N, C-alpha and C. Protein backbone atom coordinates (compact mmCIF):
# COMPACT_ATOMS: atom_id res chain seq x y z
N MET A 1 -51.99 62.16 1.38
CA MET A 1 -51.99 60.75 2.11
C MET A 1 -50.99 59.61 1.70
N THR A 2 -50.02 59.24 2.49
CA THR A 2 -48.60 58.47 1.68
C THR A 2 -49.19 57.04 2.10
N MET A 3 -49.16 56.65 0.96
CA MET A 3 -49.03 55.23 0.59
C MET A 3 -48.17 54.12 1.83
N ARG A 4 -47.96 53.75 2.77
CA ARG A 4 -47.00 52.42 3.01
C ARG A 4 -46.73 51.44 2.33
N ARG A 5 -45.84 50.96 1.96
CA ARG A 5 -45.77 49.42 1.63
C ARG A 5 -45.44 48.72 2.71
N SER A 6 -45.59 47.74 2.89
CA SER A 6 -45.26 46.78 3.41
C SER A 6 -44.09 45.90 3.47
N PHE A 7 -42.77 45.72 3.50
CA PHE A 7 -42.41 44.81 3.04
C PHE A 7 -41.87 43.66 4.26
N CYS A 8 -42.10 42.37 4.19
CA CYS A 8 -41.60 41.60 5.19
C CYS A 8 -39.73 41.81 4.86
N HIS A 9 -39.23 41.43 5.60
CA HIS A 9 -37.93 41.46 5.81
C HIS A 9 -37.74 39.55 5.93
N GLY A 10 -37.12 39.04 4.73
CA GLY A 10 -36.16 37.75 4.53
C GLY A 10 -36.49 37.01 3.55
N PHE A 11 -36.36 35.52 3.58
CA PHE A 11 -35.32 35.07 2.40
C PHE A 11 -37.17 34.77 1.56
N THR A 12 -37.13 34.40 0.33
CA THR A 12 -38.38 33.87 -0.45
C THR A 12 -37.65 32.68 -0.60
N LEU A 13 -38.80 32.12 -0.91
CA LEU A 13 -38.80 30.58 -0.96
C LEU A 13 -37.18 29.77 -2.26
N LEU A 14 -37.49 30.72 -3.10
CA LEU A 14 -36.40 30.10 -4.52
C LEU A 14 -35.02 31.01 -3.74
N GLU A 15 -35.30 31.61 -3.22
CA GLU A 15 -33.63 31.95 -2.25
C GLU A 15 -33.12 30.80 -1.72
N VAL A 16 -34.15 30.48 -0.73
CA VAL A 16 -33.77 29.35 -0.04
C VAL A 16 -33.49 28.30 -0.25
N LEU A 17 -34.01 27.66 -1.44
CA LEU A 17 -33.77 26.82 -1.93
C LEU A 17 -32.61 26.43 -2.99
N VAL A 18 -31.87 27.70 -3.26
CA VAL A 18 -30.68 28.02 -3.87
C VAL A 18 -29.64 27.80 -3.38
N ALA A 19 -29.74 28.33 -1.77
CA ALA A 19 -28.66 28.43 -0.83
C ALA A 19 -28.59 26.89 -0.73
N LEU A 20 -30.01 25.87 -0.14
CA LEU A 20 -29.71 24.68 0.13
C LEU A 20 -28.90 23.75 -1.20
N VAL A 21 -29.30 24.01 -2.27
CA VAL A 21 -28.69 23.02 -3.63
C VAL A 21 -26.99 23.48 -3.30
N ILE A 22 -26.25 24.69 -3.01
CA ILE A 22 -25.33 25.27 -3.01
C ILE A 22 -24.76 24.16 -1.84
N VAL A 23 -25.19 24.39 -0.49
CA VAL A 23 -24.51 23.56 0.35
C VAL A 23 -24.73 22.13 0.36
N GLY A 24 -25.48 21.37 -0.35
CA GLY A 24 -25.45 20.44 -1.16
C GLY A 24 -24.45 19.73 -1.84
N VAL A 25 -24.22 20.93 -2.88
CA VAL A 25 -22.90 20.61 -3.42
C VAL A 25 -21.80 20.52 -2.67
N SER A 26 -21.65 21.49 -2.13
CA SER A 26 -20.63 21.56 -1.35
C SER A 26 -20.45 20.49 -0.41
N LEU A 27 -21.54 20.03 0.30
CA LEU A 27 -21.06 18.88 1.26
C LEU A 27 -21.01 17.42 0.34
N GLY A 28 -21.48 17.33 -0.57
CA GLY A 28 -20.90 16.50 -1.73
C GLY A 28 -19.66 16.16 -2.01
N ALA A 29 -19.12 17.48 -2.45
CA ALA A 29 -17.59 17.50 -2.99
C ALA A 29 -16.89 17.47 -1.76
N SER A 30 -17.05 17.65 -0.80
CA SER A 30 -16.23 17.54 0.51
C SER A 30 -16.17 15.84 0.90
N LEU A 31 -17.25 15.32 0.89
CA LEU A 31 -17.67 14.11 1.20
C LEU A 31 -16.93 12.73 0.03
N ARG A 32 -16.79 13.16 -0.92
CA ARG A 32 -15.65 12.88 -2.02
C ARG A 32 -14.18 12.78 -2.16
N ALA A 33 -13.85 13.96 -1.44
CA ALA A 33 -12.45 14.20 -1.02
C ALA A 33 -11.85 13.80 0.06
N VAL A 34 -12.67 13.21 0.75
CA VAL A 34 -12.82 12.73 2.07
C VAL A 34 -12.50 11.43 1.89
N GLY A 35 -13.49 10.59 1.19
CA GLY A 35 -13.31 9.29 0.69
C GLY A 35 -11.80 8.95 -0.10
N SER A 36 -12.15 9.98 -0.65
CA SER A 36 -10.82 9.83 -1.95
C SER A 36 -9.03 9.44 -0.77
N LEU A 37 -9.31 10.79 -0.13
CA LEU A 37 -7.65 11.00 0.81
C LEU A 37 -7.75 9.59 1.83
N THR A 38 -8.58 8.84 2.16
CA THR A 38 -8.94 7.67 2.99
C THR A 38 -8.38 6.74 1.59
N GLN A 39 -8.89 6.51 0.48
CA GLN A 39 -8.47 5.52 -0.51
C GLN A 39 -6.96 5.52 -0.44
N ASN A 40 -6.27 7.07 -0.61
CA ASN A 40 -5.25 7.24 -1.15
C ASN A 40 -4.12 6.68 0.23
N SER A 41 -4.87 6.99 1.25
CA SER A 41 -3.99 6.78 2.58
C SER A 41 -3.70 5.03 2.78
N ALA A 42 -5.17 4.59 2.11
CA ALA A 42 -5.15 2.72 2.66
C ALA A 42 -3.80 2.17 1.54
N ASP A 43 -3.68 3.27 0.18
CA ASP A 43 -3.19 2.69 -1.23
C ASP A 43 -1.57 2.64 -0.71
N LEU A 44 -1.44 3.85 -0.15
CA LEU A 44 0.18 4.21 0.27
C LEU A 44 0.42 3.35 1.62
N ARG A 45 -0.16 2.76 2.89
CA ARG A 45 0.22 2.24 3.31
C ARG A 45 0.07 0.45 2.99
N ALA A 46 -0.78 0.00 2.02
CA ALA A 46 -0.32 -0.92 1.18
C ALA A 46 1.04 -1.18 0.77
N THR A 47 1.76 -0.64 -0.54
CA THR A 47 2.58 -0.10 -0.78
C THR A 47 3.83 -0.22 0.08
N MET A 48 3.60 -0.02 1.07
CA MET A 48 5.04 0.59 2.33
C MET A 48 5.05 -0.85 3.30
N MET A 49 3.55 -1.46 3.09
CA MET A 49 4.15 -2.84 3.99
C MET A 49 4.34 -3.85 3.04
N ALA A 50 4.26 -3.34 1.90
CA ALA A 50 4.71 -4.79 0.48
C ALA A 50 6.08 -4.84 0.06
N GLY A 51 6.28 -3.40 0.33
CA GLY A 51 7.73 -2.58 -0.15
C GLY A 51 8.60 -3.49 1.75
N TRP A 52 8.18 -3.44 2.49
CA TRP A 52 9.00 -4.21 3.57
C TRP A 52 8.80 -5.43 3.31
N SER A 53 7.98 -6.12 2.96
CA SER A 53 8.00 -7.57 2.38
C SER A 53 9.48 -7.78 1.94
N ALA A 54 9.24 -7.07 0.91
CA ALA A 54 9.61 -7.38 -0.91
C ALA A 54 11.08 -7.10 -0.06
N GLU A 55 11.34 -6.06 0.73
CA GLU A 55 13.04 -6.05 0.75
C GLU A 55 13.30 -6.75 1.95
N ASN A 56 12.52 -7.16 3.20
CA ASN A 56 12.53 -8.55 4.04
C ASN A 56 13.59 -9.58 3.22
N ARG A 57 12.68 -10.11 2.35
CA ARG A 57 13.46 -11.46 1.82
C ARG A 57 14.37 -11.03 0.61
N LEU A 58 14.73 -9.80 -0.09
CA LEU A 58 16.27 -9.30 -0.28
C LEU A 58 17.16 -9.45 0.78
N VAL A 59 17.03 -8.77 1.66
CA VAL A 59 18.22 -8.81 2.93
C VAL A 59 18.29 -10.26 3.36
N GLU A 60 17.01 -10.99 3.39
CA GLU A 60 17.40 -12.61 3.77
C GLU A 60 18.21 -13.13 2.89
N LEU A 61 18.23 -12.86 1.93
CA LEU A 61 19.23 -13.83 0.98
C LEU A 61 20.77 -12.99 1.05
N ARG A 62 20.41 -12.05 1.28
CA ARG A 62 21.85 -10.85 1.36
C ARG A 62 22.32 -12.14 2.99
N LEU A 63 22.03 -11.74 3.61
CA LEU A 63 22.71 -12.38 4.94
C LEU A 63 22.68 -14.18 4.99
N MET A 64 21.98 -14.66 4.28
CA MET A 64 22.00 -16.21 4.19
C MET A 64 23.38 -16.76 3.43
N ARG A 65 23.73 -15.53 2.62
CA ARG A 65 24.80 -15.77 1.22
C ARG A 65 24.96 -17.20 0.83
N GLN A 66 23.88 -17.29 0.41
CA GLN A 66 23.25 -18.43 -0.46
C GLN A 66 23.18 -18.10 -2.10
N TRP A 67 23.29 -19.26 -2.80
CA TRP A 67 23.57 -18.72 -4.09
C TRP A 67 22.00 -19.47 -4.35
N PRO A 68 21.04 -18.26 -4.97
CA PRO A 68 19.86 -18.92 -4.79
C PRO A 68 19.96 -19.61 -6.03
N ALA A 69 18.82 -20.26 -6.46
CA ALA A 69 18.85 -21.46 -7.74
C ALA A 69 17.70 -20.42 -8.87
N THR A 70 18.10 -20.66 -10.08
CA THR A 70 17.31 -20.14 -11.30
C THR A 70 15.90 -20.47 -10.71
N GLY A 71 14.82 -19.64 -11.20
CA GLY A 71 13.80 -20.15 -11.09
C GLY A 71 12.81 -19.45 -10.40
N LYS A 72 11.42 -19.55 -10.20
CA LYS A 72 10.43 -18.69 -10.05
C LYS A 72 9.88 -19.71 -8.39
N ARG A 73 9.32 -19.44 -7.50
CA ARG A 73 8.44 -19.81 -6.18
C ARG A 73 7.66 -18.40 -5.75
N SER A 74 6.90 -19.04 -5.03
CA SER A 74 5.67 -18.05 -4.84
C SER A 74 5.65 -18.55 -2.98
N PHE A 75 5.60 -17.25 -2.24
CA PHE A 75 5.57 -18.11 -0.78
C PHE A 75 4.65 -17.16 0.18
N ASP A 76 3.80 -16.53 0.99
CA ASP A 76 3.15 -16.01 1.82
C ASP A 76 4.34 -14.78 2.79
N CYS A 77 3.64 -13.78 2.56
CA CYS A 77 5.02 -12.74 3.43
C CYS A 77 3.68 -11.95 3.91
N PRO A 78 3.15 -12.32 4.70
CA PRO A 78 2.37 -11.37 5.40
C PRO A 78 3.55 -10.09 6.47
N GLN A 79 2.13 -9.05 6.38
CA GLN A 79 2.63 -7.88 7.02
C GLN A 79 1.74 -7.02 8.17
N GLY A 80 1.78 -7.13 9.86
CA GLY A 80 0.69 -7.47 10.11
C GLY A 80 -0.30 -7.80 10.07
N GLU A 81 -1.43 -7.37 9.82
CA GLU A 81 -2.57 -7.66 9.59
C GLU A 81 -2.86 -8.08 7.88
N MET A 82 -1.91 -7.32 7.21
CA MET A 82 -2.13 -7.49 5.80
C MET A 82 -1.74 -8.64 4.93
N ARG A 83 -2.76 -9.47 4.75
CA ARG A 83 -1.53 -11.03 3.90
C ARG A 83 -1.54 -10.80 2.67
N LEU A 84 0.18 -10.70 2.52
CA LEU A 84 0.36 -10.79 1.30
C LEU A 84 1.33 -11.70 0.65
N LYS A 85 1.20 -12.14 -0.73
CA LYS A 85 2.17 -13.00 -1.58
C LYS A 85 2.88 -12.23 -2.41
N CYS A 86 4.04 -12.97 -2.00
CA CYS A 86 5.37 -12.41 -2.50
C CYS A 86 6.11 -14.07 -3.54
N ASP A 87 6.38 -13.17 -4.72
CA ASP A 87 6.58 -13.98 -6.05
C ASP A 87 8.24 -13.90 -6.50
N GLU A 88 9.21 -14.69 -6.35
CA GLU A 88 10.22 -14.50 -6.61
C GLU A 88 11.29 -15.07 -7.71
N ASP A 89 11.65 -14.65 -8.80
CA ASP A 89 12.31 -15.04 -9.53
C ASP A 89 13.35 -14.83 -9.81
N VAL A 90 14.38 -15.45 -10.05
CA VAL A 90 15.83 -15.39 -9.89
C VAL A 90 16.39 -15.85 -11.74
N PHE A 91 17.33 -14.85 -12.07
CA PHE A 91 17.80 -15.12 -13.42
C PHE A 91 18.83 -15.04 -13.42
N SER A 92 19.58 -15.45 -14.33
CA SER A 92 21.12 -15.72 -14.45
C SER A 92 21.44 -14.66 -14.93
N THR A 93 22.55 -14.21 -14.98
CA THR A 93 23.20 -12.58 -15.58
C THR A 93 24.51 -13.48 -16.70
N PRO A 94 24.49 -12.21 -17.29
CA PRO A 94 25.72 -12.47 -18.25
C PRO A 94 26.86 -12.36 -17.61
N ASN A 95 26.92 -12.54 -16.14
CA ASN A 95 28.43 -12.13 -15.15
C ASN A 95 27.73 -13.77 -14.54
N PRO A 96 28.65 -14.89 -14.43
CA PRO A 96 28.32 -15.65 -13.92
C PRO A 96 28.59 -15.72 -12.58
N ASN A 97 29.10 -14.75 -12.03
CA ASN A 97 29.59 -15.42 -10.65
C ASN A 97 27.84 -13.94 -9.91
N PHE A 98 26.82 -13.71 -10.60
CA PHE A 98 25.76 -12.62 -10.22
C PHE A 98 24.82 -13.24 -10.84
N ARG A 99 23.77 -13.39 -9.89
CA ARG A 99 22.12 -13.32 -10.27
C ARG A 99 21.24 -12.80 -10.09
N ARG A 100 20.21 -12.25 -11.07
CA ARG A 100 19.26 -11.61 -10.35
C ARG A 100 18.27 -11.88 -9.90
N VAL A 101 17.63 -11.14 -8.84
CA VAL A 101 16.63 -11.63 -7.73
C VAL A 101 15.44 -10.81 -8.10
N GLU A 102 14.56 -11.12 -8.37
CA GLU A 102 13.11 -9.61 -8.38
C GLU A 102 12.06 -10.66 -7.45
N VAL A 103 11.54 -9.85 -6.73
CA VAL A 103 10.54 -10.11 -5.58
C VAL A 103 9.35 -9.18 -5.97
N SER A 104 8.29 -9.78 -6.34
CA SER A 104 6.98 -8.69 -6.54
C SER A 104 6.44 -9.44 -5.71
N VAL A 105 5.27 -8.29 -5.03
CA VAL A 105 4.13 -8.54 -3.97
C VAL A 105 2.82 -8.22 -3.74
N PHE A 106 2.14 -9.00 -3.90
CA PHE A 106 0.82 -9.10 -4.46
C PHE A 106 -0.08 -8.95 -3.32
N ASP A 107 -1.25 -8.36 -3.17
CA ASP A 107 -2.50 -8.77 -2.50
C ASP A 107 -3.00 -10.09 -2.29
N ALA A 108 -3.14 -10.90 -0.98
CA ALA A 108 -3.60 -11.86 -1.40
C ALA A 108 -5.15 -12.61 -1.65
N GLU A 109 -5.66 -11.25 -1.42
CA GLU A 109 -6.83 -11.16 -1.49
C GLU A 109 -7.79 -11.02 -3.21
N ARG A 110 -7.09 -10.00 -3.60
CA ARG A 110 -6.51 -9.97 -5.30
C ARG A 110 -5.56 -9.95 -5.58
N PRO A 111 -4.71 -11.50 -6.14
CA PRO A 111 -3.78 -11.60 -6.84
C PRO A 111 -3.41 -11.59 -7.52
N GLU A 112 -4.32 -10.85 -8.83
CA GLU A 112 -4.05 -9.88 -9.83
C GLU A 112 -3.26 -8.44 -9.80
N ARG A 113 -3.27 -7.95 -8.57
CA ARG A 113 -2.82 -6.83 -8.16
C ARG A 113 -1.32 -6.49 -7.64
N ARG A 114 -0.32 -6.45 -8.80
CA ARG A 114 0.90 -6.31 -7.96
C ARG A 114 1.03 -4.87 -7.12
N ILE A 115 1.53 -4.95 -6.08
CA ILE A 115 1.68 -4.02 -4.95
C ILE A 115 3.35 -2.90 -5.19
N VAL A 116 4.40 -4.12 -5.34
CA VAL A 116 5.33 -3.25 -5.71
C VAL A 116 6.29 -4.61 -5.75
N LYS A 117 7.67 -4.10 -6.38
CA LYS A 117 8.24 -5.05 -7.17
C LYS A 117 9.24 -4.62 -6.94
N LEU A 118 10.42 -5.34 -6.42
CA LEU A 118 12.03 -5.18 -6.07
C LEU A 118 12.97 -6.05 -6.79
N VAL A 119 14.23 -5.17 -7.33
CA VAL A 119 15.44 -6.22 -8.07
C VAL A 119 16.14 -6.20 -7.12
N GLN A 120 17.38 -6.96 -7.36
CA GLN A 120 18.70 -6.90 -6.58
C GLN A 120 19.59 -8.05 -7.14
N VAL A 121 20.56 -7.44 -7.33
CA VAL A 121 22.12 -8.54 -7.84
C VAL A 121 22.88 -8.90 -6.97
N VAL A 122 22.19 -10.27 -6.62
CA VAL A 122 23.34 -11.45 -5.59
C VAL A 122 24.56 -11.98 -6.11
N PRO A 123 25.78 -11.93 -5.34
CA PRO A 123 26.91 -12.26 -5.64
C PRO A 123 26.70 -13.81 -5.35
N ASP A 124 27.93 -14.01 -6.24
CA ASP A 124 27.91 -15.90 -5.34
C ASP A 124 28.52 -15.90 -3.96
N GLY A 125 27.74 -16.61 -2.85
CA GLY A 125 28.37 -16.69 -1.63
C GLY A 125 29.13 -17.51 -1.42
N LYS A 126 30.53 -17.48 -2.61
CA LYS A 126 31.67 -18.53 -2.22
C LYS A 126 33.18 -18.07 -1.45
């Protein structure tokens, strides 16, 4: 007489738990990656908008053909719905016919965080 063993086909509880842990870790890593991509996209957008604000001010100086006074001034320079603050520093140069203009753009809600800084040399508009 042969004895037949009856095996149930399926997964053990341990195998199911291991599979659930693997799936959970994979989903957690995926969510973290998506969150990182979203933050990088927002930072890139802020950098682009801040660059536009700084470029707008430097182009404005070129088009006005005015000799900027040395010193520092701050002004609001929003782009779209972004609230930005610009700091403009004007320095004299060794050549008296030129001035160096630095425009730094900050997030108005976090003023300690400079987003972008552009520098340009402006000729005397005479």
